[in-house]
Amino acid sequence: MLRRLLKRSGYEAIDWGLGRNYANLNDLDVLDKMVEDIFNRTGKKVTIIGWSLGGIYARRLGVIHSSKIRRVITLGSPYRHLDTPNYATWLFEFIQRFRRNSNAEPSWIAELNRPIPVPSVAFYSKMDGIVPWEACMDMEDPTEHRNIEVQGSHLGLGMNKDVLQPLMEILESDQDITSR
């Protein structure tokens, strides 16, 4: 629904093309290349929207591609205190697997607690039901990093009007939009 809304509004909404996100560590390399390709093709900064674990990936991209990213928007993405077990056991297991098996900068997980070097918006719900809402918020610099509380479930965030309406307003207000 979110992607359809973006396309109907004139944005080039690009699916990551990898299907359901099963926390495959190789996906990070694919996403790195995707950001590079989109930026090189369009010559414009990219806005990345990530839902749940996708938001963690989006924040990572915001760090390593800060000169190519306009804004990172996350929906129910628990990027703070990731090493603490919670209802999202799969996420905790992913972090542990990453630490054990990855040769790629394991420090990036610890860095997720820090503000990213691009503007961000974090949507979270106290009724999420899957991830702890407190872990989905940026606690630094409210001028660059906004937190927006919405009512709804984790699985419904991508079709929740309380998310979609402000998300579209945020995209429209980005000052460097010249074309979508």
N, C-alpha and C. Protein backbone atom coordinates (compact mmCIF):
# COMPACT_ATOMS: atom_id res chain seq x y z
N MET A 1 0.81 -1.19 0.00
CA MET A 1 0.00 0.00 0.00
C MET A 1 0.87 1.26 0.00
N LEU A 2 1.91 1.28 0.82
CA LEU A 2 2.80 2.45 0.89
C LEU A 2 3.45 2.72 -0.46
N ARG A 3 3.98 1.68 -1.08
CA ARG A 3 4.63 1.86 -2.37
C ARG A 3 3.64 2.36 -3.43
N ARG A 4 2.43 1.83 -3.42
CA ARG A 4 1.40 2.29 -4.37
C ARG A 4 1.09 3.77 -4.16
N LEU A 5 0.95 4.18 -2.90
CA LEU A 5 0.68 5.58 -2.59
C LEU A 5 1.81 6.47 -3.10
N LEU A 6 3.03 6.07 -2.87
CA LEU A 6 4.18 6.85 -3.32
C LEU A 6 4.19 6.98 -4.84
N LYS A 7 3.94 5.88 -5.53
CA LYS A 7 3.93 5.91 -7.00
C LYS A 7 2.80 6.78 -7.52
N ARG A 8 1.61 6.65 -6.92
CA ARG A 8 0.47 7.50 -7.35
C ARG A 8 0.76 8.97 -7.11
N SER A 9 1.61 9.26 -6.14
CA SER A 9 1.95 10.65 -5.83
C SER A 9 3.12 11.16 -6.66
N GLY A 10 3.59 10.33 -7.56
CA GLY A 10 4.64 10.76 -8.48
C GLY A 10 6.06 10.41 -8.08
N TYR A 11 6.23 9.69 -7.01
CA TYR A 11 7.58 9.30 -6.58
C TYR A 11 8.00 8.02 -7.28
N GLU A 12 9.28 7.88 -7.48
CA GLU A 12 9.83 6.63 -7.99
C GLU A 12 10.08 5.73 -6.78
N ALA A 13 9.09 4.94 -6.43
CA ALA A 13 9.18 4.06 -5.25
C ALA A 13 9.75 2.72 -5.70
N ILE A 14 10.93 2.43 -5.23
CA ILE A 14 11.64 1.23 -5.67
C ILE A 14 11.65 0.19 -4.56
N ASP A 15 11.12 -0.96 -4.86
CA ASP A 15 11.16 -2.11 -3.96
C ASP A 15 12.60 -2.60 -3.88
N TRP A 16 12.99 -3.12 -2.76
CA TRP A 16 14.36 -3.58 -2.64
C TRP A 16 14.62 -4.82 -3.50
N GLY A 17 13.55 -5.50 -3.95
CA GLY A 17 13.69 -6.60 -4.90
C GLY A 17 14.15 -7.91 -4.32
N LEU A 18 14.20 -8.03 -3.01
CA LEU A 18 14.72 -9.26 -2.39
C LEU A 18 13.62 -10.07 -1.68
N GLY A 19 12.37 -9.69 -1.88
CA GLY A 19 11.28 -10.43 -1.25
C GLY A 19 11.19 -10.13 0.24
N ARG A 20 10.70 -11.09 0.99
CA ARG A 20 10.56 -10.94 2.44
C ARG A 20 11.94 -10.83 3.08
N ASN A 21 12.05 -9.97 4.08
CA ASN A 21 13.32 -9.74 4.75
C ASN A 21 13.53 -10.81 5.83
N TYR A 22 14.46 -11.72 5.55
CA TYR A 22 14.78 -12.78 6.50
C TYR A 22 16.13 -12.54 7.19
N ALA A 23 16.57 -11.31 7.21
CA ALA A 23 17.81 -10.92 7.89
C ALA A 23 19.03 -11.62 7.30
N ASN A 24 19.04 -11.76 5.98
CA ASN A 24 20.20 -12.30 5.29
C ASN A 24 21.27 -11.20 5.25
N LEU A 25 22.41 -11.48 5.81
CA LEU A 25 23.46 -10.47 5.92
C LEU A 25 23.95 -9.98 4.56
N ASN A 26 23.83 -10.81 3.53
CA ASN A 26 24.26 -10.40 2.19
C ASN A 26 23.35 -9.31 1.61
N ASP A 27 22.16 -9.15 2.16
CA ASP A 27 21.25 -8.11 1.69
C ASP A 27 21.84 -6.72 1.86
N LEU A 28 22.67 -6.54 2.87
CA LEU A 28 23.28 -5.23 3.09
C LEU A 28 24.16 -4.81 1.91
N ASP A 29 24.88 -5.77 1.33
CA ASP A 29 25.71 -5.47 0.17
C ASP A 29 24.84 -5.09 -1.03
N VAL A 30 23.74 -5.80 -1.21
CA VAL A 30 22.82 -5.50 -2.31
C VAL A 30 22.26 -4.09 -2.15
N LEU A 31 21.87 -3.73 -0.93
CA LEU A 31 21.31 -2.40 -0.68
C LEU A 31 22.34 -1.30 -0.87
N ASP A 32 23.57 -1.55 -0.47
CA ASP A 32 24.65 -0.57 -0.71
C ASP A 32 24.75 -0.26 -2.20
N LYS A 33 24.78 -1.30 -3.00
CA LYS A 33 24.90 -1.11 -4.45
C LYS A 33 23.66 -0.42 -5.02
N MET A 34 22.51 -0.76 -4.49
CA MET A 34 21.26 -0.16 -4.96
C MET A 34 21.27 1.36 -4.74
N VAL A 35 21.68 1.81 -3.56
CA VAL A 35 21.76 3.24 -3.29
C VAL A 35 22.73 3.91 -4.26
N GLU A 36 23.88 3.30 -4.45
CA GLU A 36 24.88 3.85 -5.39
C GLU A 36 24.27 3.97 -6.78
N ASP A 37 23.62 2.92 -7.24
CA ASP A 37 23.05 2.90 -8.60
C ASP A 37 21.96 3.96 -8.77
N ILE A 38 21.07 4.08 -7.79
CA ILE A 38 19.97 5.05 -7.89
C ILE A 38 20.54 6.47 -7.90
N PHE A 39 21.47 6.73 -7.00
CA PHE A 39 22.07 8.06 -6.94
C PHE A 39 22.81 8.39 -8.25
N ASN A 40 23.58 7.45 -8.74
CA ASN A 40 24.34 7.68 -9.98
C ASN A 40 23.40 7.86 -11.18
N ARG A 41 22.31 7.12 -11.22
CA ARG A 41 21.36 7.22 -12.33
C ARG A 41 20.60 8.53 -12.31
N THR A 42 20.18 8.97 -11.11
CA THR A 42 19.33 10.16 -11.01
C THR A 42 20.11 11.44 -10.70
N GLY A 43 21.25 11.30 -10.06
CA GLY A 43 22.00 12.47 -9.62
C GLY A 43 21.35 13.18 -8.44
N LYS A 44 20.37 12.55 -7.83
CA LYS A 44 19.65 13.15 -6.71
C LYS A 44 19.76 12.28 -5.46
N LYS A 45 19.71 12.95 -4.31
CA LYS A 45 19.73 12.23 -3.05
C LYS A 45 18.50 11.34 -2.93
N VAL A 46 18.66 10.24 -2.23
CA VAL A 46 17.64 9.21 -2.10
C VAL A 46 17.01 9.29 -0.71
N THR A 47 15.69 9.17 -0.65
CA THR A 47 15.00 9.00 0.62
C THR A 47 14.76 7.51 0.81
N ILE A 48 15.14 6.99 1.95
CA ILE A 48 14.98 5.56 2.21
C ILE A 48 13.94 5.38 3.30
N ILE A 49 12.98 4.51 3.02
CA ILE A 49 11.94 4.16 3.99
C ILE A 49 12.12 2.69 4.34
N GLY A 50 12.27 2.41 5.63
CA GLY A 50 12.45 1.04 6.07
C GLY A 50 11.47 0.69 7.18
N TRP A 51 10.94 -0.49 7.10
CA TRP A 51 9.95 -0.97 8.07
C TRP A 51 10.59 -2.10 8.87
N SER A 52 10.54 -2.01 10.19
CA SER A 52 11.07 -3.03 11.09
C SER A 52 12.57 -3.20 10.83
N LEU A 53 13.03 -4.41 10.52
CA LEU A 53 14.45 -4.64 10.25
C LEU A 53 14.90 -3.81 9.04
N GLY A 54 14.00 -3.55 8.11
CA GLY A 54 14.33 -2.70 6.97
C GLY A 54 14.75 -1.30 7.40
N GLY A 55 14.21 -0.82 8.51
CA GLY A 55 14.59 0.48 9.03
C GLY A 55 16.00 0.47 9.61
N ILE A 56 16.39 -0.66 10.17
CA ILE A 56 17.76 -0.80 10.67
C ILE A 56 18.73 -0.75 9.49
N TYR A 57 18.38 -1.45 8.43
CA TYR A 57 19.19 -1.38 7.21
C TYR A 57 19.22 0.06 6.68
N ALA A 58 18.06 0.72 6.68
CA ALA A 58 17.97 2.10 6.17
C ALA A 58 18.89 3.02 6.96
N ARG A 59 18.92 2.88 8.27
CA ARG A 59 19.80 3.71 9.09
C ARG A 59 21.26 3.42 8.77
N ARG A 60 21.58 2.18 8.55
CA ARG A 60 22.95 1.82 8.17
C ARG A 60 23.34 2.51 6.86
N LEU A 61 22.42 2.48 5.90
CA LEU A 61 22.68 3.14 4.62
C LEU A 61 22.86 4.64 4.81
N GLY A 62 22.10 5.23 5.74
CA GLY A 62 22.22 6.65 6.03
C GLY A 62 23.59 7.03 6.57
N VAL A 63 24.22 6.10 7.25
CA VAL A 63 25.56 6.33 7.79
C VAL A 63 26.61 6.21 6.68
N ILE A 64 26.55 5.12 5.93
CA ILE A 64 27.63 4.90 4.97
C ILE A 64 27.45 5.65 3.66
N HIS A 65 26.24 6.13 3.39
CA HIS A 65 25.98 6.88 2.16
C HIS A 65 25.40 8.26 2.47
N SER A 66 25.87 8.90 3.51
CA SER A 66 25.26 10.16 3.95
C SER A 66 25.25 11.24 2.87
N SER A 67 26.20 11.23 1.98
CA SER A 67 26.21 12.25 0.92
C SER A 67 25.20 11.95 -0.18
N LYS A 68 24.63 10.76 -0.16
CA LYS A 68 23.68 10.35 -1.20
C LYS A 68 22.26 10.20 -0.68
N ILE A 69 22.08 10.37 0.63
CA ILE A 69 20.77 10.15 1.27
C ILE A 69 20.17 11.48 1.68
N ARG A 70 18.94 11.73 1.29
CA ARG A 70 18.21 12.94 1.69
C ARG A 70 17.65 12.77 3.09
N ARG A 71 17.02 11.62 3.34
CA ARG A 71 16.34 11.39 4.61
C ARG A 71 16.12 9.89 4.79
N VAL A 72 16.12 9.45 6.04
CA VAL A 72 15.78 8.07 6.39
C VAL A 72 14.49 8.11 7.20
N ILE A 73 13.53 7.29 6.79
CA ILE A 73 12.26 7.19 7.51
C ILE A 73 12.10 5.74 7.94
N THR A 74 11.84 5.55 9.23
CA THR A 74 11.67 4.19 9.75
C THR A 74 10.27 4.00 10.32
N LEU A 75 9.76 2.79 10.16
CA LEU A 75 8.44 2.41 10.67
C LEU A 75 8.63 1.24 11.63
N GLY A 76 8.48 1.49 12.93
CA GLY A 76 8.59 0.41 13.91
C GLY A 76 9.92 -0.31 13.87
N SER A 77 11.00 0.44 13.72
CA SER A 77 12.34 -0.15 13.62
C SER A 77 13.08 0.01 14.94
N PRO A 78 13.35 -1.09 15.63
CA PRO A 78 14.00 -1.01 16.94
C PRO A 78 15.51 -0.94 16.82
N TYR A 79 16.05 0.25 16.62
CA TYR A 79 17.48 0.39 16.41
C TYR A 79 18.24 0.76 17.66
N ARG A 80 17.57 0.96 18.77
CA ARG A 80 18.25 1.23 20.03
C ARG A 80 18.20 -0.02 20.90
N HIS A 81 19.28 -0.29 21.60
CA HIS A 81 19.36 -1.42 22.53
C HIS A 81 19.07 -2.74 21.82
N LEU A 82 19.69 -2.92 20.66
CA LEU A 82 19.43 -4.12 19.88
C LEU A 82 19.96 -5.40 20.51
N ASP A 83 20.87 -5.27 21.44
CA ASP A 83 21.42 -6.48 22.04
C ASP A 83 20.61 -6.94 23.25
N THR A 84 19.48 -6.32 23.50
CA THR A 84 18.61 -6.72 24.59
C THR A 84 17.47 -7.57 24.04
N PRO A 85 17.30 -8.80 24.52
CA PRO A 85 16.20 -9.63 24.01
C PRO A 85 14.85 -8.95 24.23
N ASN A 86 13.95 -9.14 23.27
CA ASN A 86 12.61 -8.58 23.37
C ASN A 86 11.65 -9.47 22.61
N TYR A 87 10.45 -8.98 22.34
CA TYR A 87 9.47 -9.78 21.63
C TYR A 87 9.93 -10.15 20.22
N ALA A 88 10.81 -9.35 19.68
CA ALA A 88 11.34 -9.62 18.35
C ALA A 88 12.58 -10.50 18.48
N THR A 89 12.40 -11.71 18.95
CA THR A 89 13.51 -12.63 19.17
C THR A 89 14.32 -12.82 17.90
N TRP A 90 13.66 -12.85 16.76
CA TRP A 90 14.36 -13.01 15.49
C TRP A 90 15.38 -11.90 15.29
N LEU A 91 15.06 -10.69 15.74
CA LEU A 91 15.98 -9.57 15.57
C LEU A 91 17.19 -9.76 16.48
N PHE A 92 16.95 -10.15 17.72
CA PHE A 92 18.04 -10.41 18.64
C PHE A 92 18.95 -11.51 18.08
N GLU A 93 18.35 -12.57 17.53
CA GLU A 93 19.14 -13.67 16.97
C GLU A 93 19.93 -13.19 15.75
N PHE A 94 19.33 -12.31 14.95
CA PHE A 94 20.04 -11.75 13.80
C PHE A 94 21.29 -11.00 14.26
N ILE A 95 21.14 -10.19 15.29
CA ILE A 95 22.28 -9.40 15.79
C ILE A 95 23.37 -10.33 16.29
N GLN A 96 22.98 -11.36 17.02
CA GLN A 96 23.97 -12.30 17.52
C GLN A 96 24.67 -13.03 16.38
N ARG A 97 23.91 -13.45 15.36
CA ARG A 97 24.48 -14.13 14.20
C ARG A 97 25.42 -13.19 13.46
N PHE A 98 25.03 -11.93 13.33
CA PHE A 98 25.88 -10.94 12.66
C PHE A 98 27.21 -10.83 13.39
N ARG A 99 27.14 -10.74 14.69
CA ARG A 99 28.38 -10.58 15.48
C ARG A 99 29.30 -11.79 15.33
N ARG A 100 28.71 -12.99 15.25
CA ARG A 100 29.52 -14.20 15.16
C ARG A 100 30.08 -14.45 13.77
N ASN A 101 29.32 -14.14 12.72
CA ASN A 101 29.64 -14.61 11.39
C ASN A 101 30.07 -13.55 10.39
N SER A 102 30.04 -12.33 10.76
CA SER A 102 30.28 -11.29 9.76
C SER A 102 31.69 -10.74 9.83
N ASN A 103 32.24 -10.51 8.64
CA ASN A 103 33.52 -9.81 8.54
C ASN A 103 33.28 -8.32 8.32
N ALA A 104 32.03 -7.92 8.14
CA ALA A 104 31.71 -6.54 7.78
C ALA A 104 31.44 -5.71 9.01
N GLU A 105 32.33 -4.83 9.33
CA GLU A 105 32.16 -3.82 10.37
C GLU A 105 31.15 -4.14 11.47
N PRO A 106 31.47 -5.02 12.39
CA PRO A 106 30.51 -5.35 13.44
C PRO A 106 30.17 -4.17 14.35
N SER A 107 30.96 -3.12 14.29
CA SER A 107 30.68 -1.96 15.15
C SER A 107 29.44 -1.20 14.72
N TRP A 108 28.93 -1.44 13.51
CA TRP A 108 27.76 -0.67 13.06
C TRP A 108 26.54 -0.92 13.91
N ILE A 109 26.43 -2.08 14.51
CA ILE A 109 25.28 -2.35 15.37
C ILE A 109 25.32 -1.45 16.60
N ALA A 110 26.49 -1.33 17.21
CA ALA A 110 26.63 -0.45 18.37
C ALA A 110 26.37 0.99 17.97
N GLU A 111 26.73 1.35 16.75
CA GLU A 111 26.55 2.73 16.28
C GLU A 111 25.10 3.08 15.99
N LEU A 112 24.22 2.09 15.88
CA LEU A 112 22.82 2.37 15.58
C LEU A 112 22.15 3.19 16.68
N ASN A 113 22.66 3.13 17.89
CA ASN A 113 22.12 3.95 18.98
C ASN A 113 22.37 5.43 18.76
N ARG A 114 23.36 5.75 17.95
CA ARG A 114 23.73 7.14 17.74
C ARG A 114 22.89 7.76 16.62
N PRO A 115 22.71 9.07 16.66
CA PRO A 115 22.00 9.73 15.56
C PRO A 115 22.76 9.53 14.25
N ILE A 116 22.03 9.39 13.17
CA ILE A 116 22.68 9.24 11.87
C ILE A 116 22.96 10.62 11.28
N PRO A 117 23.88 10.72 10.34
CA PRO A 117 24.29 12.03 9.83
C PRO A 117 23.36 12.62 8.76
N VAL A 118 22.17 12.09 8.65
CA VAL A 118 21.16 12.63 7.73
C VAL A 118 19.87 12.81 8.51
N PRO A 119 18.97 13.69 8.05
CA PRO A 119 17.69 13.84 8.74
C PRO A 119 16.93 12.52 8.78
N SER A 120 16.20 12.30 9.87
CA SER A 120 15.44 11.06 9.98
C SER A 120 14.10 11.31 10.66
N VAL A 121 13.18 10.40 10.38
CA VAL A 121 11.88 10.39 11.03
C VAL A 121 11.61 8.96 11.45
N ALA A 122 11.26 8.77 12.72
CA ALA A 122 10.96 7.44 13.24
C ALA A 122 9.50 7.38 13.66
N PHE A 123 8.73 6.53 12.99
CA PHE A 123 7.36 6.28 13.40
C PHE A 123 7.37 5.09 14.36
N TYR A 124 6.64 5.22 15.46
CA TYR A 124 6.58 4.14 16.44
C TYR A 124 5.18 4.10 17.04
N SER A 125 4.84 2.95 17.60
CA SER A 125 3.54 2.79 18.24
C SER A 125 3.71 2.09 19.58
N LYS A 126 3.08 2.63 20.58
CA LYS A 126 3.10 1.98 21.90
C LYS A 126 2.26 0.71 21.90
N MET A 127 1.47 0.52 20.83
CA MET A 127 0.65 -0.68 20.68
C MET A 127 1.29 -1.64 19.67
N ASP A 128 2.57 -1.46 19.37
CA ASP A 128 3.27 -2.22 18.33
C ASP A 128 3.03 -3.73 18.46
N GLY A 129 3.28 -4.28 19.63
CA GLY A 129 3.05 -5.70 19.85
C GLY A 129 4.20 -6.60 19.47
N ILE A 130 5.19 -6.10 18.75
CA ILE A 130 6.32 -6.94 18.35
C ILE A 130 7.64 -6.38 18.86
N VAL A 131 7.87 -5.10 18.64
CA VAL A 131 9.12 -4.50 19.09
C VAL A 131 8.83 -3.48 20.18
N PRO A 132 9.76 -3.28 21.09
CA PRO A 132 9.55 -2.28 22.14
C PRO A 132 9.60 -0.87 21.54
N TRP A 133 8.54 -0.11 21.73
CA TRP A 133 8.43 1.21 21.12
C TRP A 133 9.57 2.14 21.54
N GLU A 134 10.06 1.99 22.76
CA GLU A 134 11.13 2.86 23.24
C GLU A 134 12.41 2.69 22.42
N ALA A 135 12.58 1.53 21.82
CA ALA A 135 13.78 1.25 21.02
C ALA A 135 13.68 1.80 19.60
N CYS A 136 12.53 2.36 19.25
CA CYS A 136 12.27 2.84 17.89
C CYS A 136 12.40 4.35 17.76
N MET A 137 12.93 4.99 18.78
CA MET A 137 12.97 6.46 18.80
C MET A 137 14.39 6.97 18.84
N ASP A 138 14.63 8.09 18.13
CA ASP A 138 15.90 8.79 18.20
C ASP A 138 15.81 9.76 19.37
N MET A 139 16.76 9.71 20.25
CA MET A 139 16.69 10.54 21.45
C MET A 139 17.54 11.80 21.36
N GLU A 140 18.13 12.06 20.20
CA GLU A 140 19.01 13.22 20.03
C GLU A 140 18.45 14.19 19.01
N ASP A 141 18.81 15.43 19.11
CA ASP A 141 18.59 16.49 18.14
C ASP A 141 17.22 16.44 17.43
N PRO A 142 16.18 16.90 18.10
CA PRO A 142 14.84 16.85 17.51
C PRO A 142 14.66 17.72 16.27
N THR A 143 15.62 18.59 15.96
CA THR A 143 15.50 19.37 14.73
C THR A 143 15.85 18.53 13.50
N GLU A 144 16.71 17.56 13.67
CA GLU A 144 17.13 16.68 12.56
C GLU A 144 16.49 15.31 12.62
N HIS A 145 16.09 14.88 13.81
CA HIS A 145 15.60 13.51 13.99
C HIS A 145 14.27 13.55 14.74
N ARG A 146 13.20 13.37 14.00
CA ARG A 146 11.86 13.44 14.59
C ARG A 146 11.34 12.06 14.94
N ASN A 147 10.56 12.00 16.00
CA ASN A 147 9.86 10.79 16.40
C ASN A 147 8.37 11.08 16.33
N ILE A 148 7.62 10.19 15.69
CA ILE A 148 6.18 10.40 15.57
C ILE A 148 5.46 9.17 16.10
N GLU A 149 4.71 9.38 17.18
CA GLU A 149 3.92 8.28 17.74
C GLU A 149 2.62 8.15 16.96
N VAL A 150 2.28 6.91 16.62
CA VAL A 150 1.02 6.61 15.95
C VAL A 150 0.32 5.49 16.73
N GLN A 151 -0.95 5.32 16.45
CA GLN A 151 -1.72 4.23 17.04
C GLN A 151 -1.80 3.10 16.03
N GLY A 152 -1.46 1.91 16.43
CA GLY A 152 -1.58 0.79 15.51
C GLY A 152 -0.58 -0.31 15.79
N SER A 153 -0.74 -1.40 15.06
CA SER A 153 0.11 -2.57 15.25
C SER A 153 1.36 -2.48 14.37
N HIS A 154 2.34 -3.27 14.72
CA HIS A 154 3.60 -3.33 13.97
C HIS A 154 3.33 -3.71 12.51
N LEU A 155 2.53 -4.73 12.32
CA LEU A 155 2.28 -5.23 10.97
C LEU A 155 1.42 -4.29 10.14
N GLY A 156 0.72 -3.36 10.78
CA GLY A 156 -0.14 -2.44 10.05
C GLY A 156 0.49 -1.10 9.74
N LEU A 157 1.72 -0.86 10.14
CA LEU A 157 2.32 0.47 9.99
C LEU A 157 2.38 0.94 8.53
N GLY A 158 2.62 0.04 7.60
CA GLY A 158 2.76 0.43 6.20
C GLY A 158 1.45 0.76 5.51
N MET A 159 0.33 0.57 6.22
CA MET A 159 -0.98 0.92 5.64
C MET A 159 -1.80 1.77 6.59
N ASN A 160 -1.17 2.26 7.62
CA ASN A 160 -1.83 3.04 8.66
C ASN A 160 -1.91 4.51 8.22
N LYS A 161 -3.13 5.06 8.17
CA LYS A 161 -3.29 6.45 7.73
C LYS A 161 -2.55 7.42 8.65
N ASP A 162 -2.39 7.05 9.93
CA ASP A 162 -1.64 7.90 10.85
C ASP A 162 -0.14 7.94 10.52
N VAL A 163 0.32 6.97 9.73
CA VAL A 163 1.69 6.97 9.23
C VAL A 163 1.72 7.61 7.84
N LEU A 164 0.83 7.17 6.96
CA LEU A 164 0.88 7.57 5.56
C LEU A 164 0.70 9.08 5.36
N GLN A 165 -0.23 9.67 6.08
CA GLN A 165 -0.47 11.11 5.90
C GLN A 165 0.74 11.95 6.30
N PRO A 166 1.28 11.78 7.51
CA PRO A 166 2.46 12.60 7.84
C PRO A 166 3.70 12.23 7.02
N LEU A 167 3.81 10.97 6.63
CA LEU A 167 4.94 10.57 5.80
C LEU A 167 4.91 11.32 4.48
N MET A 168 3.74 11.41 3.86
CA MET A 168 3.62 12.15 2.60
C MET A 168 3.90 13.64 2.80
N GLU A 169 3.43 14.19 3.91
CA GLU A 169 3.71 15.61 4.21
C GLU A 169 5.21 15.85 4.37
N ILE A 170 5.89 14.92 5.02
CA ILE A 170 7.34 15.03 5.21
C ILE A 170 8.05 15.00 3.86
N LEU A 171 7.66 14.08 3.01
CA LEU A 171 8.28 13.99 1.69
C LEU A 171 8.06 15.27 0.89
N GLU A 172 6.85 15.79 0.95
CA GLU A 172 6.52 17.01 0.21
C GLU A 172 7.28 18.22 0.75
N SER A 173 7.58 18.22 2.03
CA SER A 173 8.24 19.38 2.63
C SER A 173 9.75 19.37 2.47
N ASP A 174 10.31 18.25 2.02
CA ASP A 174 11.76 18.23 1.82
C ASP A 174 12.15 19.34 0.85
N GLN A 175 13.03 20.19 1.29
CA GLN A 175 13.36 21.40 0.54
C GLN A 175 14.08 21.13 -0.77
N ASP A 176 14.80 20.04 -0.87
CA ASP A 176 15.58 19.85 -2.09
C ASP A 176 14.85 18.99 -3.12
N ILE A 177 13.53 18.85 -2.99
CA ILE A 177 12.78 18.14 -4.02
C ILE A 177 12.61 19.05 -5.23
N THR A 178 13.16 18.61 -6.34
CA THR A 178 12.94 19.35 -7.58
C THR A 178 12.08 18.53 -8.52
N SER A 179 12.25 17.23 -8.46
CA SER A 179 11.36 16.32 -9.16
C SER A 179 11.43 15.00 -8.43
N ARG A 180 10.44 14.21 -8.64
CA ARG A 180 10.36 12.95 -7.90
C ARG A 180 10.93 11.85 -8.75
